[in-house]
Amino acid sequence: PQVGTELRNDGIMAIVYALGFILLYIAVRFDLAFAPGAVLALIHDVLITVGVFSALGLEFNLPVIAAILAIVGYSLNDTIVVYDRIRENSLRYRGRTLRDLVNTSLNQTLSRTLLTSATTMLVVLALLIVGGGIIRDFSIALTVGVLVGTYSSVAIASPAYIFLRERAEKKVTANKGKSSAVA
């Protein structure tokens, strides 16, 4: 039992460290405003997957931790594709509003997201059905993770980016108004 507890705790710490380094990576690669939305989406994916395991009373073991780390990578990849398109379109369509720019970017990446998720889901479901008891928990975690990860980059990461950018713009506008009034 002590070895199992130690491995579980080490696995949880691996997930926490992975999320921290992902935050740093996205902040450096894109912009600081992108990073919190991506990490929020990843935390959402992990919590939903762990919540499903808890609700179903399934065992939380090392293959499940491996699946959660795979989910983090899968979801992060999709979020980076969306964020990269937002960045490209911000240069291409300079006159558009932020919400319109993000909406256009999401529409451009939606078919890729859905096709990638569908093909991944086919493989994961094959593992779940044919894989047997050894990888059953792993397959269940991946099934939940792919479903949740598919919508989190669209419905969580992108709106979080919009929220943070609009909040920063309001703050800049308010500071300009205060400095104008003082001068």
N, C-alpha and C. Protein backbone atom coordinates (compact mmCIF):
# COMPACT_ATOMS: atom_id res chain seq x y z
N PRO A 1 0.80 -1.22 0.00
CA PRO A 1 0.00 0.00 0.00
C PRO A 1 0.84 1.27 0.00
N GLN A 2 1.97 1.25 0.70
CA GLN A 2 2.79 2.46 0.76
C GLN A 2 3.41 2.75 -0.60
N VAL A 3 3.84 1.70 -1.31
CA VAL A 3 4.40 1.90 -2.65
C VAL A 3 3.33 2.46 -3.58
N GLY A 4 2.11 1.94 -3.50
CA GLY A 4 1.01 2.44 -4.33
C GLY A 4 0.70 3.88 -4.04
N THR A 5 0.70 4.26 -2.77
CA THR A 5 0.44 5.64 -2.39
C THR A 5 1.55 6.55 -2.90
N GLU A 6 2.80 6.09 -2.77
CA GLU A 6 3.93 6.89 -3.24
C GLU A 6 3.87 7.08 -4.75
N LEU A 7 3.56 6.01 -5.48
CA LEU A 7 3.45 6.11 -6.94
C LEU A 7 2.31 7.04 -7.35
N ARG A 8 1.19 6.96 -6.65
CA ARG A 8 0.05 7.83 -6.96
C ARG A 8 0.42 9.29 -6.70
N ASN A 9 1.07 9.55 -5.57
CA ASN A 9 1.47 10.92 -5.26
C ASN A 9 2.49 11.44 -6.26
N ASP A 10 3.44 10.60 -6.66
CA ASP A 10 4.42 11.00 -7.68
C ASP A 10 3.73 11.26 -9.01
N GLY A 11 2.72 10.47 -9.34
CA GLY A 11 1.97 10.68 -10.59
C GLY A 11 1.21 12.00 -10.57
N ILE A 12 0.60 12.30 -9.43
CA ILE A 12 -0.12 13.58 -9.32
C ILE A 12 0.86 14.74 -9.43
N MET A 13 2.01 14.62 -8.80
CA MET A 13 3.01 15.69 -8.90
C MET A 13 3.52 15.84 -10.33
N ALA A 14 3.62 14.72 -11.06
CA ALA A 14 4.03 14.79 -12.47
C ALA A 14 3.02 15.59 -13.27
N ILE A 15 1.75 15.40 -12.98
CA ILE A 15 0.71 16.16 -13.68
C ILE A 15 0.80 17.63 -13.33
N VAL A 16 1.01 17.95 -12.07
CA VAL A 16 1.14 19.35 -11.63
C VAL A 16 2.35 20.00 -12.29
N TYR A 17 3.49 19.31 -12.30
CA TYR A 17 4.68 19.87 -12.95
C TYR A 17 4.46 20.05 -14.45
N ALA A 18 3.81 19.09 -15.07
CA ALA A 18 3.53 19.21 -16.51
C ALA A 18 2.68 20.44 -16.80
N LEU A 19 1.66 20.67 -15.99
CA LEU A 19 0.81 21.85 -16.19
C LEU A 19 1.59 23.15 -15.99
N GLY A 20 2.48 23.17 -15.01
CA GLY A 20 3.30 24.36 -14.77
C GLY A 20 4.24 24.65 -15.93
N PHE A 21 4.89 23.63 -16.44
CA PHE A 21 5.79 23.83 -17.57
C PHE A 21 5.02 24.19 -18.85
N ILE A 22 3.83 23.69 -18.98
CA ILE A 22 2.99 24.04 -20.13
C ILE A 22 2.63 25.52 -20.08
N LEU A 23 2.30 26.02 -18.88
CA LEU A 23 2.01 27.44 -18.70
C LEU A 23 3.20 28.28 -19.14
N LEU A 24 4.38 27.89 -18.73
CA LEU A 24 5.59 28.61 -19.10
C LEU A 24 5.84 28.53 -20.60
N TYR A 25 5.69 27.35 -21.19
CA TYR A 25 5.91 27.17 -22.62
C TYR A 25 4.98 28.05 -23.46
N ILE A 26 3.71 28.05 -23.14
CA ILE A 26 2.76 28.84 -23.92
C ILE A 26 3.00 30.33 -23.73
N ALA A 27 3.35 30.73 -22.52
CA ALA A 27 3.65 32.15 -22.28
C ALA A 27 4.84 32.60 -23.12
N VAL A 28 5.84 31.74 -23.28
CA VAL A 28 7.02 32.10 -24.07
C VAL A 28 6.72 31.99 -25.56
N ARG A 29 6.04 30.94 -25.97
CA ARG A 29 5.80 30.71 -27.40
C ARG A 29 4.78 31.67 -28.00
N PHE A 30 3.75 31.99 -27.26
CA PHE A 30 2.69 32.85 -27.80
C PHE A 30 2.71 34.20 -27.09
N ASP A 31 1.93 34.29 -26.06
CA ASP A 31 1.75 35.53 -25.32
C ASP A 31 1.25 35.13 -23.94
N LEU A 32 1.53 35.94 -22.97
CA LEU A 32 1.11 35.61 -21.61
C LEU A 32 -0.40 35.46 -21.51
N ALA A 33 -1.16 36.17 -22.34
CA ALA A 33 -2.63 36.09 -22.29
C ALA A 33 -3.15 34.73 -22.75
N PHE A 34 -2.39 34.01 -23.54
CA PHE A 34 -2.81 32.69 -24.00
C PHE A 34 -2.64 31.62 -22.92
N ALA A 35 -1.61 31.72 -22.11
CA ALA A 35 -1.23 30.65 -21.19
C ALA A 35 -2.31 30.28 -20.17
N PRO A 36 -2.92 31.23 -19.46
CA PRO A 36 -3.91 30.81 -18.46
C PRO A 36 -5.10 30.05 -19.06
N GLY A 37 -5.54 30.44 -20.25
CA GLY A 37 -6.65 29.73 -20.88
C GLY A 37 -6.29 28.30 -21.22
N ALA A 38 -5.07 28.08 -21.68
CA ALA A 38 -4.64 26.72 -22.01
C ALA A 38 -4.54 25.87 -20.76
N VAL A 39 -3.96 26.42 -19.72
CA VAL A 39 -3.83 25.65 -18.48
C VAL A 39 -5.20 25.42 -17.85
N LEU A 40 -6.09 26.41 -17.92
CA LEU A 40 -7.44 26.23 -17.41
C LEU A 40 -8.15 25.08 -18.15
N ALA A 41 -7.99 25.03 -19.47
CA ALA A 41 -8.59 23.94 -20.25
C ALA A 41 -7.99 22.59 -19.86
N LEU A 42 -6.69 22.55 -19.63
CA LEU A 42 -6.05 21.29 -19.25
C LEU A 42 -6.49 20.85 -17.86
N ILE A 43 -6.58 21.79 -16.93
CA ILE A 43 -7.05 21.45 -15.59
C ILE A 43 -8.49 20.94 -15.67
N HIS A 44 -9.29 21.58 -16.49
CA HIS A 44 -10.67 21.14 -16.71
C HIS A 44 -10.70 19.70 -17.20
N ASP A 45 -9.88 19.40 -18.20
CA ASP A 45 -9.84 18.05 -18.77
C ASP A 45 -9.45 17.01 -17.71
N VAL A 46 -8.43 17.33 -16.93
CA VAL A 46 -7.97 16.41 -15.90
C VAL A 46 -9.04 16.22 -14.83
N LEU A 47 -9.64 17.32 -14.38
CA LEU A 47 -10.65 17.22 -13.32
C LEU A 47 -11.89 16.44 -13.77
N ILE A 48 -12.31 16.66 -15.01
CA ILE A 48 -13.47 15.92 -15.52
C ILE A 48 -13.14 14.43 -15.59
N THR A 49 -11.96 14.09 -16.09
CA THR A 49 -11.57 12.69 -16.20
C THR A 49 -11.49 12.03 -14.82
N VAL A 50 -10.84 12.71 -13.89
CA VAL A 50 -10.74 12.18 -12.53
C VAL A 50 -12.13 12.11 -11.89
N GLY A 51 -12.96 13.09 -12.17
CA GLY A 51 -14.33 13.09 -11.64
C GLY A 51 -15.15 11.93 -12.15
N VAL A 52 -14.99 11.59 -13.42
CA VAL A 52 -15.71 10.44 -13.98
C VAL A 52 -15.23 9.16 -13.30
N PHE A 53 -13.94 9.04 -13.09
CA PHE A 53 -13.42 7.86 -12.40
C PHE A 53 -13.95 7.77 -10.98
N SER A 54 -14.02 8.90 -10.32
CA SER A 54 -14.55 8.93 -8.96
C SER A 54 -16.04 8.58 -8.94
N ALA A 55 -16.80 9.17 -9.87
CA ALA A 55 -18.24 8.92 -9.92
C ALA A 55 -18.56 7.47 -10.25
N LEU A 56 -17.74 6.85 -11.10
CA LEU A 56 -17.97 5.45 -11.47
C LEU A 56 -17.32 4.47 -10.51
N GLY A 57 -16.54 4.98 -9.55
CA GLY A 57 -15.89 4.11 -8.59
C GLY A 57 -14.77 3.28 -9.19
N LEU A 58 -14.13 3.79 -10.23
CA LEU A 58 -13.04 3.06 -10.88
C LEU A 58 -11.72 3.33 -10.16
N GLU A 59 -10.82 2.37 -10.30
CA GLU A 59 -9.52 2.48 -9.64
C GLU A 59 -8.65 3.53 -10.32
N PHE A 60 -7.98 4.33 -9.51
CA PHE A 60 -7.07 5.35 -10.01
C PHE A 60 -5.66 4.80 -9.85
N ASN A 61 -5.09 4.28 -10.96
CA ASN A 61 -3.80 3.61 -10.90
C ASN A 61 -2.82 4.24 -11.88
N LEU A 62 -1.65 3.62 -12.03
CA LEU A 62 -0.62 4.19 -12.90
C LEU A 62 -1.03 4.28 -14.36
N PRO A 63 -1.70 3.27 -14.94
CA PRO A 63 -2.16 3.46 -16.32
C PRO A 63 -3.12 4.65 -16.48
N VAL A 64 -3.92 4.91 -15.46
CA VAL A 64 -4.82 6.06 -15.52
C VAL A 64 -4.02 7.36 -15.47
N ILE A 65 -2.98 7.40 -14.64
CA ILE A 65 -2.12 8.59 -14.61
C ILE A 65 -1.44 8.77 -15.96
N ALA A 66 -0.99 7.69 -16.56
CA ALA A 66 -0.40 7.77 -17.90
C ALA A 66 -1.42 8.30 -18.91
N ALA A 67 -2.66 7.84 -18.79
CA ALA A 67 -3.71 8.32 -19.69
C ALA A 67 -3.97 9.80 -19.47
N ILE A 68 -3.96 10.24 -18.23
CA ILE A 68 -4.18 11.67 -17.95
C ILE A 68 -3.06 12.51 -18.54
N LEU A 69 -1.83 12.05 -18.43
CA LEU A 69 -0.73 12.78 -19.06
C LEU A 69 -0.88 12.79 -20.59
N ALA A 70 -1.37 11.69 -21.15
CA ALA A 70 -1.64 11.66 -22.59
C ALA A 70 -2.76 12.63 -22.95
N ILE A 71 -3.77 12.72 -22.11
CA ILE A 71 -4.87 13.66 -22.33
C ILE A 71 -4.36 15.09 -22.30
N VAL A 72 -3.47 15.39 -21.36
CA VAL A 72 -2.89 16.73 -21.28
C VAL A 72 -2.17 17.05 -22.60
N GLY A 73 -1.40 16.12 -23.10
CA GLY A 73 -0.70 16.34 -24.38
C GLY A 73 -1.65 16.48 -25.54
N TYR A 74 -2.67 15.65 -25.57
CA TYR A 74 -3.65 15.68 -26.65
C TYR A 74 -4.40 17.01 -26.66
N SER A 75 -4.90 17.40 -25.52
CA SER A 75 -5.66 18.64 -25.41
C SER A 75 -4.78 19.85 -25.67
N LEU A 76 -3.56 19.81 -25.17
CA LEU A 76 -2.65 20.92 -25.40
C LEU A 76 -2.35 21.09 -26.89
N ASN A 77 -2.17 19.99 -27.59
CA ASN A 77 -1.92 20.07 -29.02
C ASN A 77 -3.07 20.77 -29.73
N ASP A 78 -4.29 20.41 -29.40
CA ASP A 78 -5.45 21.03 -30.04
C ASP A 78 -5.54 22.50 -29.67
N THR A 79 -5.28 22.83 -28.43
CA THR A 79 -5.33 24.23 -28.00
C THR A 79 -4.26 25.04 -28.70
N ILE A 80 -3.08 24.48 -28.88
CA ILE A 80 -2.01 25.20 -29.57
C ILE A 80 -2.37 25.43 -31.03
N VAL A 81 -3.03 24.47 -31.67
CA VAL A 81 -3.46 24.66 -33.06
C VAL A 81 -4.42 25.85 -33.14
N VAL A 82 -5.38 25.90 -32.23
CA VAL A 82 -6.34 27.01 -32.22
C VAL A 82 -5.64 28.32 -31.92
N TYR A 83 -4.77 28.35 -30.91
CA TYR A 83 -4.05 29.57 -30.56
C TYR A 83 -3.14 30.04 -31.68
N ASP A 84 -2.51 29.11 -32.37
CA ASP A 84 -1.65 29.48 -33.48
C ASP A 84 -2.46 30.13 -34.60
N ARG A 85 -3.65 29.61 -34.85
CA ARG A 85 -4.51 30.20 -35.87
C ARG A 85 -4.97 31.60 -35.45
N ILE A 86 -5.26 31.77 -34.16
CA ILE A 86 -5.64 33.10 -33.66
C ILE A 86 -4.48 34.07 -33.88
N ARG A 87 -3.28 33.64 -33.57
CA ARG A 87 -2.11 34.50 -33.75
C ARG A 87 -1.89 34.84 -35.23
N GLU A 88 -2.00 33.84 -36.09
CA GLU A 88 -1.86 34.09 -37.53
C GLU A 88 -2.92 35.07 -38.03
N ASN A 89 -4.16 34.86 -37.62
CA ASN A 89 -5.25 35.72 -38.08
C ASN A 89 -5.16 37.12 -37.50
N SER A 90 -4.56 37.26 -36.32
CA SER A 90 -4.42 38.61 -35.77
C SER A 90 -3.49 39.45 -36.63
N LEU A 91 -2.55 38.82 -37.30
CA LEU A 91 -1.68 39.54 -38.23
C LEU A 91 -2.37 39.76 -39.58
N ARG A 92 -3.15 38.77 -40.00
CA ARG A 92 -3.81 38.82 -41.30
C ARG A 92 -5.00 39.78 -41.30
N TYR A 93 -5.80 39.76 -40.25
CA TYR A 93 -7.02 40.57 -40.18
C TYR A 93 -6.90 41.60 -39.07
N ARG A 94 -6.13 42.62 -39.30
CA ARG A 94 -5.83 43.59 -38.25
C ARG A 94 -7.03 44.43 -37.82
N GLY A 95 -7.99 44.68 -38.67
CA GLY A 95 -9.09 45.57 -38.33
C GLY A 95 -10.24 44.92 -37.58
N ARG A 96 -10.23 43.61 -37.45
CA ARG A 96 -11.36 42.91 -36.83
C ARG A 96 -11.33 43.02 -35.30
N THR A 97 -12.51 42.87 -34.73
CA THR A 97 -12.58 42.84 -33.28
C THR A 97 -12.01 41.52 -32.78
N LEU A 98 -11.64 41.49 -31.52
CA LEU A 98 -11.04 40.30 -30.94
C LEU A 98 -12.00 39.11 -31.00
N ARG A 99 -13.26 39.33 -30.67
CA ARG A 99 -14.24 38.24 -30.68
C ARG A 99 -14.44 37.69 -32.09
N ASP A 100 -14.48 38.57 -33.08
CA ASP A 100 -14.64 38.14 -34.46
C ASP A 100 -13.40 37.38 -34.93
N LEU A 101 -12.24 37.84 -34.52
CA LEU A 101 -10.99 37.18 -34.88
C LEU A 101 -10.92 35.76 -34.30
N VAL A 102 -11.29 35.62 -33.04
CA VAL A 102 -11.27 34.31 -32.40
C VAL A 102 -12.33 33.40 -33.03
N ASN A 103 -13.51 33.95 -33.31
CA ASN A 103 -14.57 33.16 -33.94
C ASN A 103 -14.13 32.65 -35.31
N THR A 104 -13.52 33.51 -36.10
CA THR A 104 -13.01 33.10 -37.41
C THR A 104 -11.96 32.01 -37.26
N SER A 105 -11.07 32.16 -36.32
CA SER A 105 -10.02 31.18 -36.10
C SER A 105 -10.59 29.83 -35.67
N LEU A 106 -11.59 29.87 -34.80
CA LEU A 106 -12.23 28.62 -34.37
C LEU A 106 -12.93 27.93 -35.53
N ASN A 107 -13.61 28.71 -36.36
CA ASN A 107 -14.28 28.12 -37.52
C ASN A 107 -13.28 27.49 -38.49
N GLN A 108 -12.11 28.10 -38.62
CA GLN A 108 -11.10 27.57 -39.52
C GLN A 108 -10.46 26.29 -39.00
N THR A 109 -10.41 26.11 -37.71
CA THR A 109 -9.77 24.92 -37.14
C THR A 109 -10.77 23.84 -36.69
N LEU A 110 -12.06 24.14 -36.74
CA LEU A 110 -13.06 23.21 -36.22
C LEU A 110 -13.08 21.87 -36.95
N SER A 111 -13.00 21.89 -38.27
CA SER A 111 -13.03 20.62 -39.00
C SER A 111 -11.81 19.77 -38.68
N ARG A 112 -10.65 20.38 -38.55
CA ARG A 112 -9.44 19.64 -38.17
C ARG A 112 -9.60 19.04 -36.78
N THR A 113 -10.13 19.82 -35.87
CA THR A 113 -10.34 19.35 -34.50
C THR A 113 -11.28 18.15 -34.47
N LEU A 114 -12.39 18.25 -35.17
CA LEU A 114 -13.37 17.16 -35.17
C LEU A 114 -12.84 15.90 -35.85
N LEU A 115 -12.13 16.07 -36.96
CA LEU A 115 -11.58 14.90 -37.65
C LEU A 115 -10.49 14.21 -36.82
N THR A 116 -9.64 15.00 -36.21
CA THR A 116 -8.60 14.43 -35.35
C THR A 116 -9.23 13.68 -34.17
N SER A 117 -10.23 14.28 -33.56
CA SER A 117 -10.90 13.65 -32.42
C SER A 117 -11.62 12.37 -32.84
N ALA A 118 -12.26 12.39 -33.98
CA ALA A 118 -12.98 11.20 -34.45
C ALA A 118 -12.04 10.04 -34.72
N THR A 119 -10.92 10.30 -35.38
CA THR A 119 -9.98 9.21 -35.66
C THR A 119 -9.31 8.71 -34.38
N THR A 120 -9.01 9.63 -33.47
CA THR A 120 -8.44 9.21 -32.19
C THR A 120 -9.44 8.38 -31.41
N MET A 121 -10.70 8.80 -31.43
CA MET A 121 -11.74 8.09 -30.71
C MET A 121 -11.94 6.67 -31.26
N LEU A 122 -11.80 6.50 -32.56
CA LEU A 122 -11.91 5.15 -33.14
C LEU A 122 -10.85 4.21 -32.54
N VAL A 123 -9.64 4.70 -32.43
CA VAL A 123 -8.57 3.88 -31.87
C VAL A 123 -8.80 3.61 -30.39
N VAL A 124 -9.20 4.63 -29.66
CA VAL A 124 -9.42 4.47 -28.22
C VAL A 124 -10.58 3.52 -27.96
N LEU A 125 -11.64 3.63 -28.74
CA LEU A 125 -12.76 2.71 -28.57
C LEU A 125 -12.37 1.27 -28.93
N ALA A 126 -11.52 1.12 -29.93
CA ALA A 126 -11.02 -0.22 -30.27
C ALA A 126 -10.21 -0.79 -29.10
N LEU A 127 -9.39 0.03 -28.47
CA LEU A 127 -8.66 -0.41 -27.28
C LEU A 127 -9.60 -0.80 -26.16
N LEU A 128 -10.65 -0.01 -26.00
CA LEU A 128 -11.62 -0.27 -24.93
C LEU A 128 -12.37 -1.58 -25.16
N ILE A 129 -12.75 -1.82 -26.39
CA ILE A 129 -13.55 -3.00 -26.71
C ILE A 129 -12.70 -4.26 -26.79
N VAL A 130 -11.57 -4.17 -27.46
CA VAL A 130 -10.76 -5.35 -27.74
C VAL A 130 -9.60 -5.50 -26.76
N GLY A 131 -9.21 -4.43 -26.12
CA GLY A 131 -8.00 -4.42 -25.31
C GLY A 131 -7.99 -5.31 -24.10
N GLY A 132 -9.12 -5.57 -23.53
CA GLY A 132 -9.15 -6.44 -22.36
C GLY A 132 -9.01 -5.66 -21.06
N GLY A 133 -8.95 -6.39 -19.97
CA GLY A 133 -8.96 -5.81 -18.64
C GLY A 133 -7.72 -5.02 -18.29
N ILE A 134 -6.60 -5.37 -18.88
CA ILE A 134 -5.34 -4.72 -18.51
C ILE A 134 -5.36 -3.23 -18.86
N ILE A 135 -5.88 -2.89 -20.02
CA ILE A 135 -5.88 -1.48 -20.43
C ILE A 135 -7.28 -0.87 -20.41
N ARG A 136 -8.20 -1.51 -19.74
CA ARG A 136 -9.58 -1.00 -19.67
C ARG A 136 -9.65 0.39 -19.03
N ASP A 137 -9.02 0.55 -17.86
CA ASP A 137 -9.06 1.85 -17.19
C ASP A 137 -8.34 2.91 -18.03
N PHE A 138 -7.23 2.54 -18.63
CA PHE A 138 -6.50 3.44 -19.51
C PHE A 138 -7.40 3.90 -20.66
N SER A 139 -8.10 2.97 -21.26
CA SER A 139 -8.98 3.28 -22.39
C SER A 139 -10.17 4.14 -21.98
N ILE A 140 -10.72 3.87 -20.81
CA ILE A 140 -11.84 4.68 -20.32
C ILE A 140 -11.37 6.11 -20.09
N ALA A 141 -10.21 6.26 -19.47
CA ALA A 141 -9.67 7.61 -19.22
C ALA A 141 -9.43 8.35 -20.54
N LEU A 142 -8.87 7.66 -21.51
CA LEU A 142 -8.64 8.30 -22.81
C LEU A 142 -9.94 8.64 -23.52
N THR A 143 -10.93 7.80 -23.40
CA THR A 143 -12.22 8.09 -24.02
C THR A 143 -12.81 9.37 -23.46
N VAL A 144 -12.84 9.46 -22.14
CA VAL A 144 -13.35 10.67 -21.50
C VAL A 144 -12.49 11.86 -21.87
N GLY A 145 -11.18 11.68 -21.83
CA GLY A 145 -10.26 12.78 -22.12
C GLY A 145 -10.36 13.31 -23.53
N VAL A 146 -10.51 12.43 -24.50
CA VAL A 146 -10.64 12.89 -25.89
C VAL A 146 -11.93 13.68 -26.07
N LEU A 147 -13.02 13.18 -25.49
CA LEU A 147 -14.29 13.91 -25.59
C LEU A 147 -14.20 15.28 -24.93
N VAL A 148 -13.66 15.32 -23.73
CA VAL A 148 -13.56 16.58 -23.00
C VAL A 148 -12.52 17.49 -23.63
N GLY A 149 -11.41 16.93 -24.04
CA GLY A 149 -10.34 17.73 -24.66
C GLY A 149 -10.74 18.35 -25.98
N THR A 150 -11.67 17.72 -26.67
CA THR A 150 -12.11 18.25 -27.95
C THR A 150 -12.83 19.58 -27.78
N TYR A 151 -13.69 19.65 -26.79
CA TYR A 151 -14.42 20.90 -26.64
C TYR A 151 -13.71 21.91 -25.75
N SER A 152 -12.75 21.49 -24.94
CA SER A 152 -12.14 22.44 -24.01
C SER A 152 -11.31 23.50 -24.72
N SER A 153 -10.64 23.15 -25.81
CA SER A 153 -9.85 24.16 -26.51
C SER A 153 -10.74 25.17 -27.22
N VAL A 154 -11.95 24.74 -27.57
CA VAL A 154 -12.90 25.64 -28.23
C VAL A 154 -13.74 26.40 -27.21
N ALA A 155 -14.24 25.70 -26.21
CA ALA A 155 -15.22 26.30 -25.30
C ALA A 155 -14.63 26.81 -23.99
N ILE A 156 -13.37 26.54 -23.72
CA ILE A 156 -12.77 27.02 -22.48
C ILE A 156 -11.53 27.87 -22.75
N ALA A 157 -10.56 27.33 -23.49
CA ALA A 157 -9.31 28.06 -23.71
C ALA A 157 -9.52 29.35 -24.50
N SER A 158 -10.29 29.28 -25.57
CA SER A 158 -10.50 30.47 -26.39
C SER A 158 -11.30 31.56 -25.68
N PRO A 159 -12.41 31.23 -25.01
CA PRO A 159 -13.11 32.27 -24.25
C PRO A 159 -12.26 32.85 -23.11
N ALA A 160 -11.42 32.03 -22.50
CA ALA A 160 -10.53 32.55 -21.45
C ALA A 160 -9.55 33.55 -22.04
N TYR A 161 -9.05 33.26 -23.23
CA TYR A 161 -8.15 34.20 -23.91
C TYR A 161 -8.87 35.52 -24.18
N ILE A 162 -10.10 35.43 -24.69
CA ILE A 162 -10.88 36.65 -24.96
C ILE A 162 -11.08 37.43 -23.66
N PHE A 163 -11.46 36.75 -22.60
CA PHE A 163 -11.70 37.41 -21.32
C PHE A 163 -10.45 38.15 -20.84
N LEU A 164 -9.30 37.48 -20.89
CA LEU A 164 -8.07 38.10 -20.41
C LEU A 164 -7.63 39.27 -21.27
N ARG A 165 -7.76 39.13 -22.58
CA ARG A 165 -7.38 40.24 -23.48
C ARG A 165 -8.31 41.43 -23.31
N GLU A 166 -9.62 41.20 -23.22
CA GLU A 166 -10.55 42.30 -23.04
C GLU A 166 -10.34 42.97 -21.69
N ARG A 167 -10.06 42.19 -20.68
CA ARG A 167 -9.79 42.76 -19.36
C ARG A 167 -8.53 43.61 -19.38
N ALA A 168 -7.48 43.14 -20.06
CA ALA A 168 -6.24 43.91 -20.17
C ALA A 168 -6.47 45.21 -20.96
N GLU A 169 -7.27 45.13 -22.03
CA GLU A 169 -7.56 46.33 -22.81
C GLU A 169 -8.35 47.35 -21.99
N LYS A 170 -9.30 46.89 -21.18
CA LYS A 170 -10.06 47.79 -20.31
C LYS A 170 -9.14 48.46 -19.30
N LYS A 171 -8.21 47.70 -18.77
CA LYS A 171 -7.27 48.24 -17.79
C LYS A 171 -6.38 49.31 -18.43
N VAL A 172 -5.91 49.04 -19.65
CA VAL A 172 -5.08 50.02 -20.36
C VAL A 172 -5.89 51.28 -20.66
N THR A 173 -7.13 51.10 -21.11
CA THR A 173 -8.00 52.24 -21.41
C THR A 173 -8.27 53.05 -20.15
N ALA A 174 -8.52 52.39 -19.04
CA ALA A 174 -8.78 53.09 -17.78
C ALA A 174 -7.53 53.84 -17.31
N ASN A 175 -6.37 53.26 -17.48
CA ASN A 175 -5.13 53.94 -17.08
C ASN A 175 -4.85 55.13 -17.97
N LYS A 176 -5.17 55.04 -19.26
CA LYS A 176 -4.98 56.17 -20.16
C LYS A 176 -5.93 57.31 -19.77
N GLY A 177 -7.15 56.94 -19.40
CA GLY A 177 -8.13 57.94 -18.98
C GLY A 177 -7.68 58.66 -17.73
N LYS A 178 -7.10 57.94 -16.78
CA LYS A 178 -6.61 58.55 -15.54
C LYS A 178 -5.42 59.45 -15.81
N SER A 179 -4.49 59.01 -16.67
CA SER A 179 -3.32 59.83 -16.96
C SER A 179 -3.69 61.06 -17.78
N SER A 180 -4.73 61.00 -18.60
CA SER A 180 -5.19 62.16 -19.36
C SER A 180 -5.82 63.19 -18.44
N ALA A 181 -6.57 62.71 -17.45
CA ALA A 181 -7.24 63.60 -16.53
C ALA A 181 -6.22 64.32 -15.63
N VAL A 182 -5.12 63.67 -15.31
CA VAL A 182 -4.10 64.28 -14.46
C VAL A 182 -3.33 65.32 -15.24
N ALA A 183 -3.06 65.07 -16.50
CA ALA A 183 -2.28 66.00 -17.33
C ALA A 183 -3.14 67.15 -17.70
